[in-house]
Every structure is written in structure tokens, then in C-alpha cells.
Protein backbone atom coordinates (compact mmCIF):
# COMPACT_ATOMS: atom_id res chain seq x y z
CA MET A 1 2.59 -11.34 35.51
CA ASP A 2 6.58 -11.11 34.78
CA ILE A 3 6.23 -9.74 30.76
CA ASN A 4 8.25 -9.12 28.02
CA THR A 5 6.61 -5.70 26.38
CA LYS A 6 9.31 -5.81 24.03
CA ALA A 7 8.28 -9.50 22.87
CA LEU A 8 4.57 -9.03 23.60
CA LYS A 9 4.50 -6.19 20.94
CA LYS A 10 6.74 -7.61 18.31
CA ASN A 11 4.12 -10.86 18.29
CA ALA A 12 1.15 -8.81 17.55
CA TYR A 13 -0.13 -7.71 20.89
CA ARG A 14 -0.43 -4.50 21.83
CA VAL A 15 0.72 -2.61 25.35
CA THR A 16 -2.44 -0.95 27.12
CA LYS A 17 -3.19 1.58 29.83
CA GLU A 18 -5.04 -1.50 31.15
CA ARG A 19 -3.03 -3.37 33.61
CA GLY A 20 -2.56 -7.68 32.69
CA LYS A 21 -4.39 -6.53 29.83
CA THR A 22 -3.26 -6.50 25.97
CA ALA A 23 -5.30 -6.08 22.71
CA LEU A 24 -4.71 -8.69 19.83
CA ARG A 25 -3.39 -6.34 16.58
CA VAL A 26 -4.87 -8.88 13.20
CA ARG A 27 -3.62 -7.29 9.73
CA VAL A 28 -5.32 -8.18 6.74
CA PRO A 29 -2.38 -7.55 3.85
CA GLY A 30 -4.52 -6.20 0.78
CA GLY A 31 -7.58 -4.76 2.94
CA HIS A 32 -9.79 -8.24 1.92
CA MET A 33 -10.67 -11.42 3.60
CA LYS A 34 -13.30 -13.77 3.57
CA ALA A 35 -16.47 -13.23 5.74
CA LYS A 36 -16.21 -16.52 7.38
CA TYR A 37 -13.15 -15.14 9.42
CA PHE A 38 -15.49 -12.57 11.13
CA GLU A 39 -16.59 -15.84 13.22
CA ILE A 40 -13.34 -16.29 15.12
CA ILE A 41 -12.64 -12.26 15.52
CA GLN A 42 -15.65 -12.30 17.58
CA LYS A 43 -15.97 -15.33 19.54
CA ILE A 44 -12.32 -13.88 20.55
CA ALA A 45 -13.95 -10.35 21.66
CA ASP A 46 -16.45 -11.88 23.17
CA GLU A 47 -14.97 -14.89 25.29
CA TYR A 48 -11.69 -13.07 25.81
CA GLY A 49 -11.99 -8.93 25.90
CA ASN A 50 -14.45 -6.87 26.03
CA GLY A 51 -16.88 -7.54 23.49
CA THR A 52 -15.62 -4.28 21.27
CA VAL A 53 -13.61 -4.70 18.13
CA HIS A 54 -11.75 -1.72 16.54
CA ILE A 55 -11.28 -1.14 12.99
CA THR A 56 -8.05 0.27 12.15
CA ILE A 57 -6.96 3.33 9.51
CA ARG A 58 -4.34 0.37 7.97
CA GLN A 59 -7.07 -2.40 7.60
CA GLY A 60 -6.62 -4.44 10.79
CA PHE A 61 -8.20 -5.36 13.99
CA GLU A 62 -7.36 -4.77 17.56
CA ILE A 63 -9.23 -6.59 20.41
CA PRO A 64 -8.70 -4.82 23.66
CA GLY A 65 -9.72 -5.82 27.11
CA ILE A 66 -7.98 -9.67 26.46
CA ASP A 67 -6.15 -11.07 29.77
CA MET A 68 -1.96 -11.47 28.85
CA LYS A 69 -2.21 -14.85 30.72
CA ASN A 70 -5.20 -15.89 27.89
CA ILE A 71 -2.61 -15.34 24.79
CA PRO A 72 -1.60 -18.75 23.98
CA LYS A 73 -5.37 -19.62 24.07
CA ILE A 74 -5.54 -16.69 21.75
CA ASN A 75 -2.90 -17.43 19.50
CA GLU A 76 -4.45 -21.13 18.92
CA LEU A 77 -7.98 -19.67 18.30
CA ILE A 78 -6.81 -16.88 15.95
CA GLN A 79 -4.25 -19.11 13.80
CA PRO A 80 -7.22 -20.11 11.06
CA VAL A 81 -7.35 -16.42 10.08
CA ILE A 82 -3.50 -16.61 9.91
CA GLU A 83 -3.27 -18.95 7.62
CA GLY A 84 -6.29 -18.02 6.09
CA LEU A 85 -4.96 -14.40 5.36
CA GLU A 86 -1.49 -15.81 4.29
CA ILE A 87 0.12 -14.07 7.10
CA ASN A 88 4.07 -14.66 7.33
CA GLN A 89 4.54 -16.48 10.19
CA VAL A 90 7.61 -18.85 12.18
CA ASP A 91 5.89 -20.94 14.02
CA ALA A 92 2.32 -22.48 14.44
CA ASN A 93 0.42 -21.44 17.43
CA THR A 94 2.40 -18.55 18.46
CA GLY A 95 1.06 -15.36 16.42
CA TYR A 96 2.97 -13.93 13.98
CA PRO A 97 5.58 -11.06 13.92
CA ALA A 98 3.70 -7.53 13.81
CA SER A 99 7.16 -4.74 14.32
CA GLY A 100 7.75 -2.07 13.01
CA THR A 101 6.79 -2.51 8.79
CA ARG A 102 2.92 -1.90 9.21
CA ASN A 103 0.34 -3.60 7.38
CA VAL A 104 -0.10 -3.22 3.39
CA SER A 105 -3.22 -1.90 2.86
CA ALA A 106 -5.10 -1.68 -0.55
CA CYS A 107 -8.54 0.51 -1.88
CA ILE A 108 -10.53 -2.30 -3.44
CA GLY A 109 -9.44 -2.34 -6.81
CA ASN A 110 -10.44 -3.42 -10.01
CA ASN A 111 -12.28 -6.39 -8.71
CA VAL A 112 -15.33 -4.41 -7.91
CA CYS A 113 -14.08 -0.72 -8.70
CA PRO A 114 -14.62 0.61 -12.00
CA PHE A 115 -11.84 3.07 -12.04
CA ALA A 116 -9.11 1.24 -10.44
CA ASN A 117 -6.64 -0.20 -13.04
CA TYR A 118 -5.03 -3.53 -11.16
CA ASN A 119 -6.03 -5.78 -8.55
CA THR A 120 -4.91 -3.68 -5.51
CA ALA A 121 -5.32 -6.91 -3.27
CA ALA A 122 -3.74 -9.40 -5.24
CA PHE A 123 -0.69 -6.41 -5.30
CA ALA A 124 -0.66 -5.97 -1.74
CA LYS A 125 -0.65 -9.99 -0.99
CA LYS A 126 3.10 -10.04 -3.30
CA MET A 127 4.46 -7.13 -1.20
CA GLU A 128 2.99 -8.68 1.81
CA LYS A 129 5.36 -11.36 1.03
CA ALA A 130 8.45 -10.40 0.18
CA ILE A 131 8.83 -8.04 2.91
CA PHE A 132 7.72 -9.23 5.95
CA PRO A 133 8.04 -10.03 8.76
CA ASN A 134 10.84 -6.39 9.43
CA ASP A 135 11.27 -4.57 12.49
CA ARG A 136 11.60 -1.21 10.10
CA HIS A 137 9.60 1.64 9.82
CA VAL A 138 7.54 1.10 6.92
CA LYS A 139 4.09 2.23 5.42
CA ILE A 140 2.78 1.13 1.69
CA ALA A 141 -0.64 1.71 0.20
CA PHE A 142 -2.31 0.84 -3.49
CA THR A 143 -4.46 2.57 -4.94
CA GLY A 144 -6.32 1.02 -8.12
CA CYS A 145 -5.92 4.91 -10.05
CA PRO A 146 -5.50 8.86 -9.66
CA ASN A 147 -8.12 9.34 -7.63
CA ASP A 148 -6.38 7.36 -5.01
CA CYS A 149 -8.95 6.49 -1.98
CA ILE A 150 -6.36 4.92 -0.14
CA LYS A 151 -4.58 8.31 1.06
CA ALA A 152 -1.46 6.32 -1.20
CA ARG A 153 -0.11 10.02 -0.96
CA MET A 154 0.50 9.86 2.65
CA GLN A 155 2.27 6.79 3.27
CA ASP A 156 6.18 6.21 2.29
CA PHE A 157 5.66 4.45 -0.76
CA GLY A 158 2.50 4.31 -2.27
CA VAL A 159 1.18 2.32 -5.84
CA ILE A 160 -0.79 4.02 -7.96
CA GLY A 161 -2.66 2.22 -10.82
CA MET A 162 -1.95 3.56 -14.32
CA THR A 163 -2.84 2.25 -17.58
CA GLU A 164 -1.69 3.79 -21.54
CA PRO A 165 -5.10 3.66 -22.40
CA GLN A 166 -5.71 2.67 -26.35
CA TYR A 167 -7.49 3.85 -28.70
CA ASP A 168 -8.93 2.44 -31.23
CA SER A 169 -10.81 5.10 -34.30
CA TYR A 170 -12.57 3.12 -36.16
CA ARG A 171 -14.87 2.44 -33.56
CA CYS A 172 -15.12 6.69 -32.55
CA ILE A 173 -18.33 8.27 -33.51
CA GLY A 174 -16.59 11.71 -32.43
CA CYS A 175 -18.98 12.31 -29.65
CA GLN A 176 -15.79 13.61 -27.31
CA ALA A 177 -17.07 12.89 -23.78
CA CYS A 178 -13.72 11.65 -23.47
CA VAL A 179 -12.13 14.87 -24.16
CA LYS A 180 -14.50 16.63 -22.15
CA ASN A 181 -14.63 14.21 -19.09
CA CYS A 182 -10.42 14.35 -19.27
CA LYS A 183 -10.47 18.01 -19.03
CA LYS A 184 -12.97 18.26 -16.49
CA ARG A 185 -12.29 15.58 -14.38
CA ALA A 186 -8.34 14.61 -15.24
CA THR A 187 -5.10 16.68 -17.19
CA GLY A 188 -6.93 17.78 -20.36
CA ALA A 189 -4.69 15.40 -21.93
CA LEU A 190 -7.26 14.73 -25.10
CA THR A 191 -7.95 16.63 -28.08
CA PHE A 192 -10.49 16.61 -30.92
CA GLU A 193 -8.44 16.85 -34.31
CA ASN A 194 -9.65 16.28 -37.75
CA PHE A 195 -12.45 13.91 -36.41
CA LYS A 196 -10.45 11.71 -34.29
CA ILE A 197 -8.90 12.24 -30.58
CA VAL A 198 -5.43 12.69 -29.83
CA ARG A 199 -3.61 12.11 -26.67
CA ASP A 200 -0.63 14.25 -25.51
CA HIS A 201 1.63 11.66 -23.66
CA ASP A 202 2.82 13.72 -21.14
CA LYS A 203 0.04 15.31 -19.99
CA CYS A 204 -1.83 11.94 -19.99
CA ILE A 205 -1.42 10.66 -16.06
CA GLY A 206 -2.78 6.77 -16.96
CA CYS A 207 -5.89 7.30 -14.76
CA GLY A 208 -8.43 4.97 -17.79
CA GLU A 209 -10.89 7.84 -17.55
CA CYS A 210 -11.35 7.69 -21.41
CA VAL A 211 -12.08 4.02 -20.96
CA GLY A 212 -15.27 4.37 -18.80
CA LYS A 213 -16.47 7.44 -20.34
CA CYS A 214 -16.34 5.86 -24.14
CA PRO A 215 -20.21 4.90 -25.52
CA THR A 216 -19.16 2.73 -28.55
CA GLY A 217 -15.36 1.10 -26.61
CA ALA A 218 -12.89 2.86 -28.39
CA TRP A 219 -10.69 2.98 -25.72
CA THR A 220 -9.35 0.25 -23.85
CA ARG A 221 -6.97 -0.32 -20.97
CA SER A 222 -3.39 -1.52 -21.93
CA ASP A 223 -3.47 -5.38 -21.13
CA GLU A 224 0.42 -4.66 -19.58
CA LYS A 225 0.28 -3.24 -15.88
CA TYR A 226 2.09 0.74 -15.49
CA PHE A 227 2.05 2.00 -12.49
CA LYS A 228 3.19 5.89 -10.25
CA LEU A 229 5.29 5.00 -7.56
CA VAL A 230 5.13 7.84 -5.23
CA ILE A 231 7.65 8.54 -1.57
CA MET A 232 8.12 9.23 1.28
CA GLY A 233 4.92 10.62 2.62
CA ARG A 234 4.14 10.93 6.41
CA THR A 235 2.05 12.19 9.15
CA GLY A 236 3.72 12.70 12.68
CA LYS A 237 4.67 15.15 14.49
CA GLN A 238 7.46 16.56 12.59
CA ASP A 239 6.75 18.02 9.08
CA PRO A 240 4.52 16.26 8.08
CA ARG A 241 4.22 15.95 4.36
CA LEU A 242 2.60 14.96 0.43
CA ALA A 243 4.69 11.43 -0.84
CA GLN A 244 6.36 13.32 -4.32
CA ASP A 245 6.23 11.20 -7.56
CA PHE A 246 9.64 8.80 -7.83
CA ALA A 247 8.58 7.09 -10.87
CA LYS A 248 5.62 7.10 -13.48
CA TRP A 249 4.76 3.89 -15.74
CA ILE A 250 6.68 1.75 -13.96
CA ASP A 251 5.73 -1.99 -13.43
CA GLU A 252 5.62 -4.67 -10.85
CA GLU A 253 8.85 -6.48 -10.14
CA SER A 254 10.82 -3.17 -10.03
CA ILE A 255 8.45 -1.63 -7.89
CA ILE A 256 8.92 -4.82 -5.02
CA LYS A 257 12.78 -4.40 -6.05
CA ILE A 258 12.80 -0.58 -5.40
CA VAL A 259 11.09 -1.48 -2.14
CA LEU A 260 13.19 -4.33 -0.97
CA ASN A 261 16.09 -1.86 -2.08
CA THR A 262 15.12 0.94 0.65
CA TYR A 263 15.15 -1.77 3.58
CA ASP A 264 18.96 -2.11 2.64
CA PHE A 265 19.07 1.51 2.80
CA ILE A 266 17.58 2.06 6.16
CA GLU A 267 19.61 -0.35 7.28
CA GLU A 268 22.95 1.56 6.40
CA PHE A 269 21.76 4.79 6.99
CA ILE A 270 19.31 4.26 10.06
CA ASP A 271 20.02 6.38 13.25
CA LYS A 272 21.48 3.64 15.76
CA ASP A 273 20.58 5.73 19.10
CA ALA A 274 16.55 5.92 17.09
CA PRO A 275 13.91 5.05 19.68
CA LEU A 276 13.13 1.47 18.82
CA GLY A 277 15.02 1.96 15.52
CA LYS A 278 12.09 2.85 14.13
CA GLU A 279 13.82 6.50 12.40
CA HIS A 280 11.06 7.37 9.51
CA ILE A 281 12.21 6.40 5.96
CA GLY A 282 11.87 10.46 5.10
CA TYR A 283 13.62 11.36 7.88
CA ILE A 284 16.82 9.33 6.39
CA ILE A 285 16.68 10.32 3.02
CA ASP A 286 16.46 14.26 4.49
CA ARG A 287 19.28 13.55 6.11
CA THR A 288 21.46 11.59 3.38
CA GLY A 289 19.50 13.58 0.85
CA TYR A 290 17.66 12.32 -2.59
CA GLN A 291 20.88 11.47 -5.23
CA GLU A 292 22.29 8.94 -2.17
CA TYR A 293 18.75 7.33 -1.76
CA LYS A 294 17.98 7.03 -5.53
CA LYS A 295 21.37 5.24 -6.15
CA TRP A 296 20.32 2.18 -4.03
CA ALA A 297 17.11 2.27 -4.57
CA LEU A 298 17.37 1.44 -8.45
CA LYS A 299 20.26 -0.69 -7.77
CA ASP A 300 20.18 -3.77 -9.86
CA VAL A 301 16.69 -2.67 -11.07
CA LYS A 302 15.58 -3.69 -14.38
CA LEU A 303 13.74 -0.60 -16.21
CA GLY A 304 11.41 -0.74 -18.49
CA ASP A 305 11.66 1.52 -21.73
CA LYS A 306 8.12 3.17 -20.82
CA VAL A 307 10.01 4.25 -17.43
CA GLU A 308 9.72 8.30 -16.20
CA ILE A 309 12.59 8.39 -12.95
CA LYS A 310 12.45 12.05 -11.23
CA ASP A 311 15.92 13.76 -11.35
CA LYS A 312 14.93 15.89 -8.28
CA ILE A 313 13.13 16.16 -5.71
CA ASN A 314 12.13 18.44 -3.03
CA TRP A 315 9.93 17.88 -0.52
């Protein structure tokens, strides 16, 4: 068969070691999907693949062992999953663009987890709509709290849920459960003074642990959602590193705008000779400098009064 491998990889398929065979890649934005779609995935794997499915670290599926001549049929079969997951697509029954930018992943979020401060899957899907399709090599992950179950600090962008805990002194019985828990499990931002709790805003990381530990409901999560945006974590061959704090107490729309601005930054400064046009953002920032990146990232971003932006970052 005469196969354009570049086009193949851009259309959610992988070039494999087995001649004439491919693997279908199904991304799951936010890592959350209805169980009914497993039936379709199983059908493709059993009837057109080798009967196995690989669950990827980026919350997607790879179905190996598919004969390349069956790609049009596979595209038709997978269409209900694409539509159900609301994956960006150009034309029906043609697969979907899957090159460069990786699936936006997320922890299970506050629909299930008592520690999570926001609906991670919902925000991840909103980000998916903003950035896909895109050829640039970008990884984004969402986690509901600083426990960071999704490993957000290993991504180009990690979005960590925060809350500004609200304290109702009239409900407080002075048991100090929140103080003890904050000291052991967080940052020691709470103290007990004059029979009431005092929160040190500079120490507080907005984890919400105090809310879960209070037996009387004296602590509650803020109505307004806040986030910590960490940037430029990476694995790979050269200088793996954890993402560092870029912004704290930032809002949803500002994060999306910063990510979109980063794509503009990449287009301006990417090494034109980079293999497949996939130079890692972190390497670009290493070349251009953090201050140059910050200028691009914050262009036309309307930051709230509480937002704290890191002046300098040294990885």
C-alpha cells in the first residue's frame, strides 16, 4: 500500500513496527467518558485489531493491530465516540486531527473527590475546544488540588485547583482540627489566637484541607474559583524538570488566554529546523528567556486583583 505516514499520524493513527498495520489513537478530553463507548472500542479491537487495547498515560486508548486498508471503516465505526466526546473534527467519518498537542488530561475532580476544588473534566474540555487542532507539541493537565494526582507538574501547563477558604467564627468551637491538619498535611497557614482561627494568606496554598476537616462547617470553599498555573515541566531526553509556579489565584479565562498566547509565542520563536516542527516549549523559553516569554504570555490578559505572577523563574 502507498501510505502517507505523515498524514496517517495527523489523523489519530500510529505507525507501528508491524508492516501494513496501524494503531488507532482515541483521546478522551478530561479523561472522562460514558461507559457505553467501551462497546465500540471493544468491537474495533476484536474485529479489526488484535483484540487488545492499550490505555495511555495521557488518558486515551490505542487499539493496535489494525490493517491500514481498514482505516475508512474504522473512522466510520469510531464516529459515535468522537461525537460523544465532543472531539474537534473537520469532517464526519474521517477521524480527527491528532498531531502535536497532546490530549488534555485531568484528575477525577470535585464530582467525586472530596479534596478537589473544581470540576477538572469540564475545564479540560473547555481548554480542548480552545486549542485543538494544533500541530505544536504542548501538554496540559488539570488537577483538583495540590495533591496533584494527575502529575500536573510534569506538563508544559499544569492547572492546580485552589480555594480561598471562608471562615465563619460563630460556627467555630475551637477544636483546632483544621490547625493540626494544616500543620501536618499542608503549610501551617492556620494558627489559634484568642480562641479563633487566623489564616496567613502568604502561607495558604488554597488546598481546602481545612474545609474537609472542620466538624462544624466553620470553613467553606469560596464561591469564586481560583487556580495555580505551573509551567514548563517536562520529561524526555534533555534536562527533565518539574513545572514551576507561574501564577497563583488566577481565574479560568486568564489561563486559557495565557495558553493561547503561548501558541503565538511558539510560532514566533520555534526552531524552524526542529524535527516535525515539535520543539518543546521549554527549550524555546530556555533560548529566549523567561522575561520574553512572560511578555508574550500575559499579552491582553486581564488579571484579577488577587493574582500573583512570578517575577523570575530559574529552572
